[in-house]
Protein backbone atom coordinates (compact mmCIF):
# COMPACT_ATOMS: atom_id res chain seq x y z
CA UNK A 1 -107.94 -108.56 26.08
CA UNK A 2 -108.92 -105.25 27.77
CA UNK A 3 -110.08 -104.97 31.35
CA UNK A 4 -112.41 -101.91 31.35
CA UNK A 5 -112.29 -99.20 34.02
CA UNK A 6 -115.84 -98.94 35.10
CA UNK A 7 -115.74 -95.45 36.46
CA UNK A 8 -115.60 -94.29 32.84
CA UNK A 9 -118.75 -94.45 30.84
CA UNK A 10 -116.87 -93.96 27.55
CA UNK A 11 -115.05 -97.40 26.98
CA UNK A 12 -112.62 -99.18 24.97
CA UNK A 13 -111.32 -99.38 21.52
CA UNK A 14 -113.82 -98.89 18.72
CA UNK A 15 -117.13 -97.77 17.24
CA UNK A 16 -119.12 -94.73 16.14
CA UNK A 17 -116.92 -91.76 15.49
CA UNK A 18 -115.37 -91.08 12.05
CA UNK A 19 -112.64 -88.47 11.27
CA UNK A 20 -112.87 -86.06 8.38
CA UNK A 21 -111.47 -87.71 5.25
CA UNK A 22 -108.55 -86.44 3.13
CA UNK A 23 -104.94 -85.91 3.27
CA UNK A 24 -103.68 -83.71 6.04
CA UNK A 25 -106.76 -83.89 8.32
CA UNK A 26 -105.29 -82.79 11.75
CA UNK A 27 -104.54 -85.09 14.50
CA UNK A 28 -104.03 -83.24 17.80
CA UNK A 29 -103.19 -80.22 15.69
CA UNK A 30 -100.38 -81.94 13.82
CA UNK A 31 -100.31 -82.72 10.12
CA UNK A 32 -100.27 -86.39 8.99
CA UNK A 33 -97.92 -88.25 6.90
CA UNK A 34 -99.17 -90.09 3.69
CA UNK A 35 -101.47 -92.96 4.59
CA UNK A 36 -100.13 -96.40 3.93
CA UNK A 37 -101.96 -99.47 2.96
CA UNK A 38 -101.24 -103.28 2.89
CA UNK A 39 -101.22 -104.97 -0.36
CA UNK A 40 -104.64 -106.07 -0.25
CA UNK A 41 -106.04 -103.56 2.09
CA UNK A 42 -109.75 -102.79 2.08
CA UNK A 43 -109.35 -99.54 3.91
CA UNK A 44 -106.76 -96.88 4.42
CA UNK A 45 -105.25 -95.53 7.45
CA UNK A 46 -102.92 -92.67 8.14
CA UNK A 47 -99.47 -93.28 9.55
CA UNK A 48 -98.59 -91.00 12.66
CA UNK A 49 -95.29 -90.19 14.03
CA UNK A 50 -94.47 -90.91 17.56
CA UNK A 51 -94.67 -87.16 18.45
CA UNK A 52 -98.17 -86.85 16.99
CA UNK A 53 -99.38 -89.84 19.19
CA UNK A 54 -97.76 -87.83 22.22
CA UNK A 55 -99.59 -84.67 21.18
CA UNK A 56 -102.96 -86.32 20.80
CA UNK A 57 -102.82 -88.00 24.09
CA UNK A 58 -101.22 -84.92 25.85
CA UNK A 59 -98.05 -87.03 26.64
CA UNK A 60 -100.30 -90.02 27.59
CA UNK A 61 -102.01 -88.14 30.38
CA UNK A 62 -105.55 -88.18 28.77
CA UNK A 63 -108.24 -90.35 30.20
CA UNK A 64 -107.49 -93.99 30.19
CA UNK A 65 -110.66 -95.65 29.05
CA UNK A 66 -109.45 -99.45 28.80
CA UNK A 67 -106.48 -101.15 30.08
CA UNK A 68 -105.14 -104.93 30.48
CA UNK A 69 -102.03 -106.89 30.41
CA UNK A 70 -101.36 -106.06 26.66
CA UNK A 71 -102.36 -102.42 26.09
CA UNK A 72 -103.69 -99.26 27.47
CA UNK A 73 -106.40 -97.29 25.55
CA UNK A 74 -106.50 -93.47 25.77
CA UNK A 75 -109.26 -91.04 24.89
CA UNK A 76 -108.18 -88.49 22.46
CA UNK A 77 -109.58 -85.97 19.99
CA UNK A 78 -109.20 -86.70 16.18
CA UNK A 79 -110.34 -83.68 13.94
CA UNK A 80 -112.60 -82.45 16.83
CA UNK A 81 -114.16 -85.82 17.47
CA UNK A 82 -113.40 -88.53 20.13
CA UNK A 83 -111.27 -91.41 19.16
CA UNK A 84 -109.68 -94.39 21.10
CA UNK A 85 -105.87 -94.58 21.06
CA UNK A 86 -104.72 -98.11 21.74
CA UNK A 87 -100.95 -98.46 22.83
CA UNK A 88 -99.59 -101.89 22.93
CA UNK A 89 -97.05 -103.03 25.57
CA UNK A 90 -93.37 -103.20 24.39
CA UNK A 91 -92.31 -106.84 24.19
CA UNK A 92 -91.39 -109.27 21.27
CA UNK A 93 -94.48 -111.39 21.75
CA UNK A 94 -96.85 -108.09 22.05
CA UNK A 95 -95.19 -106.56 19.09
CA UNK A 96 -96.27 -109.79 17.23
CA UNK A 97 -99.94 -109.26 18.37
CA UNK A 98 -99.83 -105.61 17.39
CA UNK A 99 -98.63 -106.62 13.98
CA UNK A 100 -101.51 -109.07 13.78
CA UNK A 101 -103.96 -106.66 14.69
CA UNK A 102 -102.59 -103.92 12.37
CA UNK A 103 -102.35 -106.26 9.46
CA UNK A 104 -106.06 -107.51 10.06
CA UNK A 105 -107.57 -103.84 10.32
CA UNK A 106 -105.75 -102.70 7.42
CA UNK A 107 -107.24 -105.48 5.30
CA UNK A 108 -110.83 -105.32 6.41
CA UNK A 109 -113.78 -102.98 5.88
CA UNK A 110 -117.22 -103.85 7.25
CA UNK A 111 -119.97 -101.70 8.85
CA UNK A 112 -119.95 -104.00 11.87
CA UNK A 113 -116.11 -104.21 12.37
CA UNK A 114 -114.35 -101.25 14.11
CA UNK A 115 -112.61 -98.98 11.64
CA UNK A 116 -108.85 -98.21 12.01
CA UNK A 117 -108.25 -94.55 11.61
CA UNK A 118 -104.45 -94.19 11.94
CA UNK A 119 -101.38 -96.11 13.31
CA UNK A 120 -97.90 -95.57 14.64
CA UNK A 121 -95.24 -98.35 14.30
CA UNK A 122 -92.16 -96.24 14.83
CA UNK A 123 -91.32 -97.70 18.16
CA UNK A 124 -91.85 -101.05 19.89
CA UNK A 125 -94.95 -99.65 21.45
CA UNK A 126 -97.30 -100.13 18.52
CA UNK A 127 -100.36 -97.53 18.50
CA UNK A 128 -103.65 -98.02 16.84
CA UNK A 129 -106.08 -95.12 16.43
CA UNK A 130 -109.63 -96.47 16.18
CA UNK A 131 -113.39 -95.36 16.18
CA UNK A 132 -114.78 -94.68 19.48
CA UNK A 133 -117.81 -96.54 20.89
CA UNK A 134 -119.80 -93.97 23.11
CA UNK A 135 -122.23 -96.96 24.20
CA UNK A 136 -119.29 -99.09 25.48
CA UNK A 137 -119.23 -102.82 25.02
CA UNK A 138 -121.99 -105.64 24.86
CA UNK A 139 -120.86 -107.14 28.05
CA UNK A 140 -121.34 -104.15 30.13
CA UNK A 141 -124.67 -103.50 28.44
CA UNK A 142 -125.91 -106.98 29.18
CA UNK A 143 -124.38 -107.44 32.73
CA UNK A 144 -124.93 -104.19 34.31
CA UNK A 145 -121.57 -102.38 33.96
CA UNK A 146 -121.01 -98.66 34.04
CA UNK A 147 -122.22 -98.29 30.59
CA UNK A 148 -125.30 -100.58 31.14
CA UNK A 149 -127.15 -98.21 33.50
CA UNK A 150 -129.82 -97.65 30.94
CA UNK A 151 -131.61 -100.65 32.00
CA UNK A 152 -132.12 -104.22 30.51
CA UNK A 153 -131.22 -104.42 26.84
CA UNK A 154 -134.39 -105.10 24.92
CA UNK A 155 -134.85 -108.42 22.99
CA UNK A 156 -135.06 -106.58 19.56
CA UNK A 157 -131.62 -105.01 20.16
CA UNK A 158 -130.18 -108.40 21.24
CA UNK A 159 -131.26 -110.10 17.94
CA UNK A 160 -130.01 -107.14 15.95
CA UNK A 161 -126.68 -107.29 17.50
CA UNK A 162 -126.39 -111.09 17.17
CA UNK A 163 -127.09 -110.54 13.29
CA UNK A 164 -124.73 -107.81 13.05
CA UNK A 165 -121.81 -109.73 14.67
CA UNK A 166 -122.60 -112.86 12.59
CA UNK A 167 -122.40 -110.70 9.42
CA UNK A 168 -119.05 -109.34 10.65
CA UNK A 169 -117.75 -112.95 11.08
CA UNK A 170 -119.34 -114.18 7.77
CA UNK A 171 -117.33 -111.42 6.03
CA UNK A 172 -113.96 -112.43 7.81
CA UNK A 173 -114.54 -116.04 7.03
CA UNK A 174 -115.65 -115.90 3.57
CA UNK A 175 -115.38 -112.57 1.92
CA UNK A 176 -111.80 -111.39 3.04
CA UNK A 177 -108.78 -112.28 0.83
CA UNK A 178 -106.77 -113.98 2.79
CA UNK A 179 -109.58 -115.20 5.12
CA UNK A 180 -109.39 -114.26 8.72
CA UNK A 181 -110.37 -116.11 11.94
CA UNK A 182 -110.82 -113.57 14.68
CA UNK A 183 -109.73 -115.88 17.57
CA UNK A 184 -111.36 -113.97 20.29
CA UNK A 185 -115.06 -113.57 19.89
CA UNK A 186 -116.62 -112.58 23.02
CA UNK A 187 -119.07 -109.77 24.49
CA UNK A 188 -116.53 -107.42 25.73
CA UNK A 189 -115.06 -107.39 22.12
CA UNK A 190 -118.41 -106.21 20.54
CA UNK A 191 -118.53 -102.44 20.85
CA UNK A 192 -121.69 -100.62 20.65
CA UNK A 193 -121.83 -97.14 18.58
CA UNK A 194 -124.02 -94.21 18.88
CA UNK A 195 -126.93 -96.01 17.40
CA UNK A 196 -126.09 -99.17 19.49
CA UNK A 197 -125.00 -100.96 16.38
CA UNK A 198 -122.43 -103.82 17.03
CA UNK A 199 -118.67 -103.25 16.02
CA UNK A 200 -116.40 -106.28 16.45
CA UNK A 201 -112.94 -105.38 17.85
CA UNK A 202 -109.53 -106.50 19.25
CA UNK A 203 -107.88 -108.50 16.35
CA UNK A 204 -104.76 -109.34 18.47
CA UNK A 205 -105.48 -113.07 18.26
CA UNK A 206 -106.65 -112.89 14.59
CA UNK A 207 -105.25 -115.55 12.08
CA UNK A 208 -105.18 -115.06 8.47
CA UNK A 209 -104.01 -116.53 5.28
CA UNK A 210 -105.63 -119.85 5.43
CA UNK A 211 -109.11 -121.19 4.23
CA UNK A 212 -109.71 -124.11 6.73
CA UNK A 213 -107.33 -124.69 9.50
CA UNK A 214 -103.92 -123.86 11.16
CA UNK A 215 -102.05 -125.70 13.73
CA UNK A 216 -100.97 -123.73 16.75
CA UNK A 217 -98.69 -124.82 19.52
CA UNK A 218 -100.51 -127.18 21.93
CA UNK A 219 -101.89 -124.89 24.71
CA UNK A 220 -99.81 -124.94 27.84
CA UNK A 221 -101.28 -124.58 31.34
CA UNK A 222 -100.71 -120.85 31.38
CA UNK A 223 -103.81 -118.90 30.48
CA UNK A 224 -101.61 -116.50 28.16
CA UNK A 225 -100.95 -119.58 25.91
CA UNK A 226 -104.60 -120.18 25.10
CA UNK A 227 -106.01 -118.41 22.07
CA UNK A 228 -109.36 -117.09 23.31
CA UNK A 229 -110.94 -116.11 26.56
CA UNK A 230 -112.45 -118.16 29.53
CA UNK A 231 -115.95 -119.47 28.78
CA UNK A 232 -115.68 -118.86 24.92
CA UNK A 233 -112.77 -121.05 24.00
CA UNK A 234 -113.65 -123.95 21.60
CA UNK A 235 -113.07 -127.36 23.43
CA UNK A 236 -111.74 -129.01 20.32
CA UNK A 237 -109.05 -126.34 20.06
CA UNK A 238 -108.03 -126.99 23.64
CA UNK A 239 -107.86 -130.78 22.86
CA UNK A 240 -106.14 -130.50 19.36
CA UNK A 241 -104.29 -127.18 19.24
CA UNK A 242 -106.14 -126.69 15.76
CA UNK A 243 -107.86 -123.19 15.16
CA UNK A 244 -110.50 -123.09 12.36
CA UNK A 245 -113.49 -120.90 11.39
CA UNK A 246 -115.44 -123.35 13.49
CA UNK A 247 -113.56 -122.08 16.54
CA UNK A 248 -115.01 -118.67 16.04
CA UNK A 249 -118.48 -120.34 15.32
CA UNK A 250 -118.17 -121.89 18.97
CA UNK A 251 -117.36 -118.67 20.58
CA UNK A 252 -120.17 -117.18 18.66
CA UNK A 253 -122.63 -119.66 19.94
CA UNK A 254 -121.51 -118.85 23.54
CA UNK A 255 -122.22 -115.18 22.83
CA UNK A 256 -125.62 -116.18 21.49
CA UNK A 257 -126.26 -117.74 24.76
CA UNK A 258 -125.20 -114.91 26.65
CA UNK A 259 -127.68 -112.62 24.76
CA UNK A 260 -130.46 -115.27 25.24
CA UNK A 261 -129.90 -115.82 28.91
CA UNK A 262 -128.32 -112.57 30.10
CA UNK A 263 -125.72 -114.51 32.05
CA UNK A 264 -121.93 -114.16 31.64
CA UNK A 265 -120.04 -116.78 29.83
CA UNK A 266 -117.80 -117.64 32.70
CA UNK A 267 -118.56 -116.53 36.32
CA UNK A 268 -117.50 -117.80 39.69
CA UNK A 269 -115.73 -120.73 37.99
CA UNK A 270 -118.84 -121.93 36.14
CA UNK A 271 -119.18 -122.01 32.38
CA UNK A 272 -122.57 -120.83 30.83
CA UNK A 273 -122.34 -123.69 28.41
CA UNK A 274 -122.34 -126.21 31.20
CA UNK A 275 -125.22 -124.40 33.01
CA UNK A 276 -127.50 -124.37 30.06
CA UNK A 277 -126.46 -127.57 28.42
CA UNK A 278 -129.19 -129.73 30.18
CA UNK A 279 -131.88 -127.32 29.28
CA UNK A 280 -130.80 -127.30 25.63
CA UNK A 281 -130.78 -131.22 25.51
CA UNK A 282 -134.24 -131.36 26.80
CA UNK A 283 -136.80 -132.54 24.04
CA UNK A 284 -138.78 -130.40 23.84
CA UNK A 285 -136.91 -127.76 25.86
CA UNK A 286 -138.83 -125.02 27.62
CA UNK A 287 -137.32 -121.68 26.20
CA UNK A 288 -138.93 -119.81 29.11
CA UNK A 289 -136.32 -121.46 31.38
CA UNK A 290 -133.48 -120.13 29.16
CA UNK A 291 -134.47 -116.43 28.32
CA UNK A 292 -133.19 -113.84 30.50
CA UNK A 293 -135.81 -113.31 33.31
CA UNK A 294 -135.27 -109.53 33.45
CA UNK A 295 -137.06 -109.39 30.11
CA UNK A 296 -140.20 -110.66 31.50
CA UNK A 297 -142.60 -111.47 28.64
CA UNK A 298 -141.00 -108.77 26.47
CA UNK A 299 -139.53 -111.09 23.78
CA UNK A 300 -140.77 -113.36 20.98
CA UNK A 301 -140.85 -116.86 22.17
CA UNK A 302 -140.64 -118.46 18.78
CA UNK A 303 -137.62 -116.20 17.88
CA UNK A 304 -136.10 -117.06 21.30
CA UNK A 305 -136.50 -120.88 20.62
CA UNK A 306 -134.74 -120.41 17.15
CA UNK A 307 -131.82 -118.47 18.78
CA UNK A 308 -131.43 -121.31 21.41
CA UNK A 309 -131.43 -124.07 18.85
CA UNK A 310 -128.94 -122.18 16.72
CA UNK A 311 -126.59 -121.44 19.92
CA UNK A 312 -126.78 -125.23 20.53
CA UNK A 313 -125.77 -126.17 17.04
CA UNK A 314 -122.86 -123.56 17.32
CA UNK A 315 -121.35 -125.03 20.44
CA UNK A 316 -121.59 -128.55 19.40
CA UNK A 317 -118.67 -130.84 20.39
CA UNK A 318 -118.02 -131.78 16.89
CA UNK A 319 -116.66 -128.88 14.88
CA UNK A 320 -117.54 -130.27 11.47
CA UNK A 321 -121.40 -130.40 12.44
CA UNK A 322 -121.44 -126.83 13.51
CA UNK A 323 -122.87 -124.29 11.16
CA UNK A 324 -120.90 -121.78 9.09
CA UNK A 325 -121.28 -118.12 9.79
CA UNK A 326 -123.17 -117.92 6.37
CA UNK A 327 -125.48 -120.49 7.68
CA UNK A 328 -125.89 -118.54 10.91
CA UNK A 329 -126.56 -115.27 9.08
CA UNK A 330 -129.26 -117.10 6.90
CA UNK A 331 -130.96 -118.48 10.07
CA UNK A 332 -131.05 -115.33 11.75
CA UNK A 333 -132.54 -113.52 8.75
CA UNK A 334 -135.10 -115.97 8.25
CA UNK A 335 -136.28 -115.88 11.83
CA UNK A 336 -135.81 -112.24 12.74
CA UNK A 337 -136.60 -110.30 9.37
CA UNK A 338 -138.00 -107.34 11.30
CA UNK A 339 -134.85 -106.79 13.17
CA UNK A 340 -132.48 -106.89 9.84
CA UNK A 341 -130.55 -103.70 9.29
């Protein structure tokens, strides 16, 4: 989980900039070794030497555009374009997280999932070179971070982003082989490319190789032991230690509520789900009490009501009653056709 440095407008680890294809395209002026793929890889990524990583980050002195307890993200130039170089911390546990993220990114290819351009695994500090997101992340765009100075995100863009993230998760859950559970769906892990399109990123918590569920160690009191982020974590996972696709569905439901209300998922010790639960339970509920007040009347009330109902279904307490991501995609397509992309 990255904590973004808000003094930089250019943020984090994904979206929007591609490199020139083909063998031998330059990284920081150096050649590239032959690319390597996992057995079932949907995309290829070039393998770099540590010297090439040092060259492209100018000895790790280039701008730091994202930093957290697990990794540091440097801004670099790849074949003349900006890219994000994510360097994982060195430890046995974080090496496992790096391997999980590398394996997932080698396997997937989707227009709304951040693309892996290159990697280096020669040392304990694993390195991922990713597409760069010139418009930062959804959290900052929604909640007024450095990259959100352009004003309130319009309703149409929110619906489009919701559908794009849903399609990315549907792809992971149903169309990957093996299937993938992301494990940390949240607004700061949704990057926005040059066209404000969504790119899901940060696969350090991803789980693959199962179709229904996997038992993880029961969470300990330490926050680092819990899969996911405060405000987005599935309560059923906290009770059972079982991660399923429906855990991602819950987190996605919180993201929908965030887009709808303009309120952070967790702020000042208060959960967004707890704050909106009474409004969602009202029959009938007043959608005007839920929609981000900054939008004024610049939104489609019927569409907002459908989004609210869908979010309520996603964050339901019983995982078996939550919709699948395929169901979510169909619902959004039916009720927001003019925003489909």
